[in-house]
PDB file of N, CA and C in Angstrom:
ATOM      1  N   MET A   1      -1.016  -0.801  38.288  1.00  0.00           N
ATOM      2  CA  MET A   1       0.222  -1.219  37.539  1.00  0.00           C
ATOM      3  C   MET A   1       0.864  -2.039  38.635  1.00  0.00           C
ATOM      4  N   VAL A   2       1.493  -3.308  38.189  1.00  0.00           N
ATOM      5  CA  VAL A   2       1.998  -4.132  39.216  1.00  0.00           C
ATOM      6  C   VAL A   2       3.319  -4.604  38.506  1.00  0.00           C
ATOM      7  N   GLN A   3       4.526  -4.859  39.172  1.00  0.00           N
ATOM      8  CA  GLN A   3       5.792  -5.195  38.527  1.00  0.00           C
ATOM      9  C   GLN A   3       5.905  -6.451  39.090  1.00  0.00           C
ATOM     10  N   THR A   4       6.189  -7.547  38.508  1.00  0.00           N
ATOM     11  CA  THR A   4       6.658  -8.881  38.909  1.00  0.00           C
ATOM     12  C   THR A   4       7.484  -9.580  37.711  1.00  0.00           C
ATOM     13  N   THR A   5       7.895 -10.868  38.130  1.00  0.00           N
ATOM     14  CA  THR A   5       8.756 -11.577  37.216  1.00  0.00           C
ATOM     15  C   THR A   5       7.771 -12.763  36.306  1.00  0.00           C
ATOM     16  N   LEU A   6       8.177 -12.779  35.222  1.00  0.00           N
ATOM     17  CA  LEU A   6       7.612 -13.855  34.341  1.00  0.00           C
ATOM     18  C   LEU A   6       8.443 -15.145  34.694  1.00  0.00           C
ATOM     19  N   VAL A   7       7.774 -16.034  35.197  1.00  0.00           N
ATOM     20  CA  VAL A   7       8.439 -17.411  35.720  1.00  0.00           C
ATOM     21  C   VAL A   7       8.666 -18.268  34.463  1.00  0.00           C
ATOM     22  N   GLU A   8       7.399 -18.624  33.719  1.00  0.00           N
ATOM     23  CA  GLU A   8       7.350 -19.438  32.943  1.00  0.00           C
ATOM     24  C   GLU A   8       6.419 -19.188  31.755  1.00  0.00           C
ATOM     25  N   MET A   9       6.578 -19.472  30.468  1.00  0.00           N
ATOM     26  CA  MET A   9       5.841 -19.168  29.172  1.00  0.00           C
ATOM     27  C   MET A   9       5.650 -20.497  28.561  1.00  0.00           C
ATOM     28  N   SER A  10       4.464 -21.083  28.539  1.00  0.00           N
ATOM     29  CA  SER A  10       4.185 -22.356  27.732  1.00  0.00           C
ATOM     30  C   SER A  10       4.116 -22.282  26.268  1.00  0.00           C
ATOM     31  N   ALA A  11       4.213 -23.078  25.638  1.00  0.00           N
ATOM     32  CA  ALA A  11       4.127 -23.040  24.118  1.00  0.00           C
ATOM     33  C   ALA A  11       2.979 -22.585  23.531  1.00  0.00           C
ATOM     34  N   ASP A  12       1.873 -22.702  24.603  1.00  0.00           N
ATOM     35  CA  ASP A  12       0.536 -22.454  23.851  1.00  0.00           C
ATOM     36  C   ASP A  12       0.100 -21.059  24.521  1.00  0.00           C
ATOM     37  N   GLY A  13       1.031 -20.244  25.138  1.00  0.00           N
ATOM     38  CA  GLY A  13       0.782 -19.022  25.458  1.00  0.00           C
ATOM     39  C   GLY A  13       0.205 -18.743  26.952  1.00  0.00           C
ATOM     40  N   ILE A  14       0.623 -19.729  27.804  1.00  0.00           N
ATOM     41  CA  ILE A  14       0.018 -19.645  29.146  1.00  0.00           C
ATOM     42  C   ILE A  14       1.392 -18.973  30.083  1.00  0.00           C
ATOM     43  N   ALA A  15       1.111 -17.796  30.616  1.00  0.00           N
ATOM     44  CA  ALA A  15       2.343 -17.288  31.160  1.00  0.00           C
ATOM     45  C   ALA A  15       2.070 -17.211  32.901  1.00  0.00           C
ATOM     46  N   LYS A  16       2.980 -17.850  33.518  1.00  0.00           N
ATOM     47  CA  LYS A  16       3.018 -17.816  34.894  1.00  0.00           C
ATOM     48  C   LYS A  16       3.918 -16.840  35.517  1.00  0.00           C
ATOM     49  N   LEU A  17       3.408 -15.954  36.434  1.00  0.00           N
ATOM     50  CA  LEU A  17       4.023 -14.868  37.246  1.00  0.00           C
ATOM     51  C   LEU A  17       4.564 -15.384  38.464  1.00  0.00           C
ATOM     52  N   ALA A  18       5.617 -14.601  39.002  1.00  0.00           N
ATOM     53  CA  ALA A  18       5.965 -14.753  40.299  1.00  0.00           C
ATOM     54  C   ALA A  18       5.074 -14.561  41.317  1.00  0.00           C
ATOM     55  N   ASN A  19       4.128 -13.757  41.083  1.00  0.00           N
ATOM     56  CA  ASN A  19       3.169 -13.270  42.047  1.00  0.00           C
ATOM     57  C   ASN A  19       1.892 -14.240  42.156  1.00  0.00           C
ATOM     58  N   HIS A  20       2.166 -15.441  41.395  1.00  0.00           N
ATOM     59  CA  HIS A  20       1.128 -16.546  41.331  1.00  0.00           C
ATOM     60  C   HIS A  20      -0.006 -16.384  40.257  1.00  0.00           C
ATOM     61  N   ALA A  21      -0.041 -15.170  39.702  1.00  0.00           N
ATOM     62  CA  ALA A  21      -1.083 -15.017  38.600  1.00  0.00           C
ATOM     63  C   ALA A  21      -0.744 -15.633  37.320  1.00  0.00           C
ATOM     64  N   VAL A  22      -1.612 -16.103  36.796  1.00  0.00           N
ATOM     65  CA  VAL A  22      -1.576 -16.898  35.512  1.00  0.00           C
ATOM     66  C   VAL A  22      -2.453 -15.944  34.372  1.00  0.00           C
ATOM     67  N   TYR A  23      -1.782 -15.946  33.225  1.00  0.00           N
ATOM     68  CA  TYR A  23      -2.402 -15.298  32.063  1.00  0.00           C
ATOM     69  C   TYR A  23      -2.277 -16.123  30.933  1.00  0.00           C
ATOM     70  N   ARG A  24      -3.207 -15.859  29.953  1.00  0.00           N
ATOM     71  CA  ARG A  24      -3.212 -16.481  28.760  1.00  0.00           C
ATOM     72  C   ARG A  24      -2.774 -15.287  27.609  1.00  0.00           C
ATOM     73  N   ILE A  25      -1.958 -15.499  26.746  1.00  0.00           N
ATOM     74  CA  ILE A  25      -1.499 -14.316  25.851  1.00  0.00           C
ATOM     75  C   ILE A  25      -2.104 -14.954  24.346  1.00  0.00           C
ATOM     76  N   PRO A  26      -2.565 -14.015  23.594  1.00  0.00           N
ATOM     77  CA  PRO A  26      -2.961 -14.355  22.289  1.00  0.00           C
ATOM     78  C   PRO A  26      -1.871 -15.004  21.435  1.00  0.00           C
ATOM     79  N   THR A  27      -2.177 -16.071  20.574  1.00  0.00           N
ATOM     80  CA  THR A  27      -1.269 -16.889  19.796  1.00  0.00           C
ATOM     81  C   THR A  27      -0.248 -15.983  19.007  1.00  0.00           C
ATOM     82  N   GLY A  28      -0.745 -14.960  18.405  1.00  0.00           N
ATOM     83  CA  GLY A  28       0.091 -13.867  17.680  1.00  0.00           C
ATOM     84  C   GLY A  28       0.964 -13.112  18.501  1.00  0.00           C
ATOM     85  N   HIS A  29       1.024 -13.070  19.768  1.00  0.00           N
ATOM     86  CA  HIS A  29       1.591 -12.445  20.550  1.00  0.00           C
ATOM     87  C   HIS A  29       2.862 -13.289  21.159  1.00  0.00           C
ATOM     88  N   ILE A  30       2.688 -14.588  21.224  1.00  0.00           N
ATOM     89  CA  ILE A  30       3.507 -15.442  22.166  1.00  0.00           C
ATOM     90  C   ILE A  30       5.072 -15.282  21.569  1.00  0.00           C
ATOM     91  N   ALA A  31       5.364 -15.077  20.258  1.00  0.00           N
ATOM     92  CA  ALA A  31       6.751 -14.952  19.884  1.00  0.00           C
ATOM     93  C   ALA A  31       7.416 -13.760  20.604  1.00  0.00           C
ATOM     94  N   ARG A  32       6.634 -12.694  20.762  1.00  0.00           N
ATOM     95  CA  ARG A  32       7.230 -11.503  21.416  1.00  0.00           C
ATOM     96  C   ARG A  32       7.756 -11.666  22.815  1.00  0.00           C
ATOM     97  N   THR A  33       7.364 -12.790  23.340  1.00  0.00           N
ATOM     98  CA  THR A  33       7.756 -13.090  24.836  1.00  0.00           C
ATOM     99  C   THR A  33       8.682 -14.139  24.977  1.00  0.00           C
ATOM    100  N   LYS A  34       9.504 -14.534  23.824  1.00  0.00           N
ATOM    101  CA  LYS A  34      10.362 -15.675  23.892  1.00  0.00           C
ATOM    102  C   LYS A  34      11.615 -15.418  24.917  1.00  0.00           C
ATOM    103  N   ASP A  35      12.095 -14.141  24.929  1.00  0.00           N
ATOM    104  CA  ASP A  35      13.299 -13.824  25.854  1.00  0.00           C
ATOM    105  C   ASP A  35      12.728 -13.406  27.343  1.00  0.00           C
ATOM    106  N   TRP A  36      11.337 -13.584  27.531  1.00  0.00           N
ATOM    107  CA  TRP A  36      10.887 -12.795  28.792  1.00  0.00           C
ATOM    108  C   TRP A  36      10.948 -13.733  30.127  1.00  0.00           C
ATOM    109  N   PRO A  37      11.052 -15.096  30.104  1.00  0.00           N
ATOM    110  CA  PRO A  37      11.051 -15.824  31.177  1.00  0.00           C
ATOM    111  C   PRO A  37      12.253 -15.347  32.010  1.00  0.00           C
ATOM    112  N   GLY A  38      12.017 -15.143  33.373  1.00  0.00           N
ATOM    113  CA  GLY A  38      13.064 -14.684  34.199  1.00  0.00           C
ATOM    114  C   GLY A  38      13.334 -13.185  34.448  1.00  0.00           C
ATOM    115  N   THR A  39      12.654 -12.486  33.559  1.00  0.00           N
ATOM    116  CA  THR A  39      12.747 -11.075  33.573  1.00  0.00           C
ATOM    117  C   THR A  39      11.577 -10.385  34.297  1.00  0.00           C
ATOM    118  N   GLU A  40      11.602  -9.187  34.530  1.00  0.00           N
ATOM    119  CA  GLU A  40      10.732  -8.377  35.227  1.00  0.00           C
ATOM    120  C   GLU A  40       9.659  -7.837  34.023  1.00  0.00           C
ATOM    121  N   ILE A  41       8.335  -7.936  34.611  1.00  0.00           N
ATOM    122  CA  ILE A  41       7.379  -7.363  33.576  1.00  0.00           C
ATOM    123  C   ILE A  41       6.283  -6.524  34.292  1.00  0.00           C
ATOM    124  N   ILE A  42       5.868  -5.830  33.613  1.00  0.00           N
ATOM    125  CA  ILE A  42       4.737  -4.728  34.272  1.00  0.00           C
ATOM    126  C   ILE A  42       3.385  -5.293  33.630  1.00  0.00           C
ATOM    127  N   VAL A  43       2.421  -5.227  34.667  1.00  0.00           N
ATOM    128  CA  VAL A  43       1.003  -5.727  34.334  1.00  0.00           C
ATOM    129  C   VAL A  43       0.200  -4.519  34.444  1.00  0.00           C
ATOM    130  N   GLU A  44      -0.441  -4.215  33.378  1.00  0.00           N
ATOM    131  CA  GLU A  44      -1.336  -2.989  33.443  1.00  0.00           C
ATOM    132  C   GLU A  44      -2.796  -3.338  32.921  1.00  0.00           C
ATOM    133  N   ARG A  45      -3.796  -2.777  33.052  1.00  0.00           N
ATOM    134  CA  ARG A  45      -5.146  -2.964  32.604  1.00  0.00           C
ATOM    135  C   ARG A  45      -5.109  -2.571  31.017  1.00  0.00           C
ATOM    136  N   SER A  46      -5.900  -2.911  30.149  1.00  0.00           N
ATOM    137  CA  SER A  46      -6.162  -2.609  28.873  1.00  0.00           C
ATOM    138  C   SER A  46      -7.352  -2.205  28.670  1.00  0.00           C
ATOM    139  N   ASP A  47      -7.627  -1.401  27.418  1.00  0.00           N
ATOM    140  CA  ASP A  47      -8.991  -1.018  27.239  1.00  0.00           C
ATOM    141  C   ASP A  47      -9.753  -2.139  26.214  1.00  0.00           C
ATOM    142  N   ASN A  48      -9.000  -3.025  26.042  1.00  0.00           N
ATOM    143  CA  ASN A  48      -9.577  -4.105  25.030  1.00  0.00           C
ATOM    144  C   ASN A  48     -10.483  -5.137  25.853  1.00  0.00           C
ATOM    145  N   ALA A  49     -11.848  -5.214  25.407  1.00  0.00           N
ATOM    146  CA  ALA A  49     -12.564  -5.910  26.088  1.00  0.00           C
ATOM    147  C   ALA A  49     -12.297  -7.605  26.266  1.00  0.00           C
ATOM    148  N   ALA A  50     -11.642  -7.973  25.266  1.00  0.00           N
ATOM    149  CA  ALA A  50     -11.398  -9.476  25.235  1.00  0.00           C
ATOM    150  C   ALA A  50      -9.929  -9.788  25.829  1.00  0.00           C
ATOM    151  N   TRP A  51      -8.976  -8.998  25.828  1.00  0.00           N
ATOM    152  CA  TRP A  51      -7.728  -8.994  26.404  1.00  0.00           C
ATOM    153  C   TRP A  51      -7.771  -7.916  27.337  1.00  0.00           C
ATOM    154  N   GLN A  52      -7.966  -8.179  28.570  1.00  0.00           N
ATOM    155  CA  GLN A  52      -8.190  -7.208  29.787  1.00  0.00           C
ATOM    156  C   GLN A  52      -6.878  -6.416  30.182  1.00  0.00           C
ATOM    157  N   TYR A  53      -5.692  -7.290  30.024  1.00  0.00           N
ATOM    158  CA  TYR A  53      -4.416  -6.724  30.544  1.00  0.00           C
ATOM    159  C   TYR A  53      -3.376  -6.477  29.446  1.00  0.00           C
ATOM    160  N   ILE A  54      -2.400  -5.924  29.751  1.00  0.00           N
ATOM    161  CA  ILE A  54      -1.343  -5.761  28.928  1.00  0.00           C
ATOM    162  C   ILE A  54      -0.015  -6.176  29.678  1.00  0.00           C
ATOM    163  N   LEU A  55       0.778  -6.990  29.336  1.00  0.00           N
ATOM    164  CA  LEU A  55       2.020  -7.348  29.923  1.00  0.00           C
ATOM    165  C   LEU A  55       3.242  -6.605  29.064  1.00  0.00           C
ATOM    166  N   LYS A  56       4.149  -5.917  29.925  1.00  0.00           N
ATOM    167  CA  LYS A  56       5.126  -5.166  29.276  1.00  0.00           C
ATOM    168  C   LYS A  56       6.409  -5.702  29.741  1.00  0.00           C
ATOM    169  N   SER A  57       7.559  -5.884  29.031  1.00  0.00           N
ATOM    170  CA  SER A  57       8.809  -5.995  29.493  1.00  0.00           C
ATOM    171  C   SER A  57       9.230  -4.703  30.272  1.00  0.00           C
ATOM    172  N   ALA A  58       9.655  -4.883  31.587  1.00  0.00           N
ATOM    173  CA  ALA A  58      10.324  -3.760  32.391  1.00  0.00           C
ATOM    174  C   ALA A  58      11.344  -3.011  31.568  1.00  0.00           C
ATOM    175  N   ALA A  59      12.300  -3.857  31.175  1.00  0.00           N
ATOM    176  CA  ALA A  59      13.512  -3.293  30.439  1.00  0.00           C
ATOM    177  C   ALA A  59      13.096  -2.621  29.246  1.00  0.00           C
ATOM    178  N   THR A  60      12.257  -2.991  28.281  1.00  0.00           N
ATOM    179  CA  THR A  60      11.779  -2.420  27.103  1.00  0.00           C
ATOM    180  C   THR A  60      10.296  -2.279  26.946  1.00  0.00           C
ATOM    181  N   PRO A  61       9.781  -1.299  27.591  1.00  0.00           N
ATOM    182  CA  PRO A  61       8.212  -1.233  27.933  1.00  0.00           C
ATOM    183  C   PRO A  61       7.500  -1.141  26.476  1.00  0.00           C
ATOM    184  N   ALA A  62       8.069  -0.850  25.382  1.00  0.00           N
ATOM    185  CA  ALA A  62       7.535  -0.749  24.137  1.00  0.00           C
ATOM    186  C   ALA A  62       7.301  -2.048  23.698  1.00  0.00           C
ATOM    187  N   GLN A  63       8.034  -3.109  24.235  1.00  0.00           N
ATOM    188  CA  GLN A  63       7.663  -4.560  23.806  1.00  0.00           C
ATOM    189  C   GLN A  63       6.368  -4.958  24.837  1.00  0.00           C
ATOM    190  N   TRP A  64       5.168  -5.254  24.420  1.00  0.00           N
ATOM    191  CA  TRP A  64       4.135  -5.652  25.151  1.00  0.00           C
ATOM    192  C   TRP A  64       3.278  -6.576  24.514  1.00  0.00           C
ATOM    193  N   VAL A  65       2.452  -7.414  25.146  1.00  0.00           N
ATOM    194  CA  VAL A  65       1.514  -8.394  24.677  1.00  0.00           C
ATOM    195  C   VAL A  65       0.063  -8.176  25.462  1.00  0.00           C
ATOM    196  N   TYR A  66      -0.807  -8.526  24.732  1.00  0.00           N
ATOM    197  CA  TYR A  66      -2.247  -8.554  25.390  1.00  0.00           C
ATOM    198  C   TYR A  66      -2.196  -9.847  26.262  1.00  0.00           C
ATOM    199  N   ALA A  67      -3.267  -9.762  27.366  1.00  0.00           N
ATOM    200  CA  ALA A  67      -3.303 -11.009  28.172  1.00  0.00           C
ATOM    201  C   ALA A  67      -4.551 -10.986  29.010  1.00  0.00           C
ATOM    202  N   THR A  68      -5.119 -12.189  29.112  1.00  0.00           N
ATOM    203  CA  THR A  68      -6.469 -12.198  30.046  1.00  0.00           C
ATOM    204  C   THR A  68      -6.021 -13.339  31.151  1.00  0.00           C
ATOM    205  N   PRO A  69      -6.729 -13.109  32.399  1.00  0.00           N
ATOM    206  CA  PRO A  69      -6.433 -14.321  33.425  1.00  0.00           C
ATOM    207  C   PRO A  69      -6.755 -15.440  32.813  1.00  0.00           C
ATOM    208  N   SER A  70      -5.980 -16.563  33.335  1.00  0.00           N
ATOM    209  CA  SER A  70      -6.397 -17.933  32.954  1.00  0.00           C
ATOM    210  C   SER A  70      -6.600 -18.784  34.335  1.00  0.00           C
ATOM    211  N   GLY A  71      -7.358 -19.711  34.188  1.00  0.00           N
ATOM    212  CA  GLY A  71      -7.442 -20.830  35.144  1.00  0.00           C
ATOM    213  C   GLY A  71      -8.284 -20.202  36.399  1.00  0.00           C
ATOM    214  N   GLY A  72      -8.952 -19.152  36.084  1.00  0.00           N
ATOM    215  CA  GLY A  72      -9.778 -18.537  37.179  1.00  0.00           C
ATOM    216  C   GLY A  72      -8.971 -17.578  37.981  1.00  0.00           C
ATOM    217  N   VAL A  73      -8.085 -17.209  37.776  1.00  0.00           N
ATOM    218  CA  VAL A  73      -7.166 -16.312  38.561  1.00  0.00           C
ATOM    219  C   VAL A  73      -7.359 -14.942  38.014  1.00  0.00           C
ATOM    220  N   VAL A  74      -7.911 -14.145  38.885  1.00  0.00           N
ATOM    221  CA  VAL A  74      -8.162 -12.654  38.699  1.00  0.00           C
ATOM    222  C   VAL A  74      -7.089 -11.899  39.324  1.00  0.00           C
ATOM    223  N   PHE A  75      -6.523 -10.940  38.315  1.00  0.00           N
ATOM    224  CA  PHE A  75      -5.530  -9.961  38.857  1.00  0.00           C
ATOM    225  C   PHE A  75      -6.356  -8.910  39.336  1.00  0.00           C
ATOM    226  N   ALA A  76      -5.876  -8.245  40.653  1.00  0.00           N
ATOM    227  CA  ALA A  76      -6.577  -6.957  41.059  1.00  0.00           C
ATOM    228  C   ALA A  76      -5.864  -5.794  40.885  1.00  0.00           C
TER     229      ALA A  76
END
């Protein structure tokens, strides 16, 4: 588990984090992140084969989205 800040979220679901990681969010999950830019998030591994990570709002961990590394960035 890593905690970092969501710096930017593009309209097509690309999330840029303060730790320089970049993730792609499923289209159906993008609306959940509309208030997240500039906030702390938690990155955890998931059991989903297609979406290897879960991004959670640190303030409200019940709000989460699936994510996968984008642009060749691999999150350790």
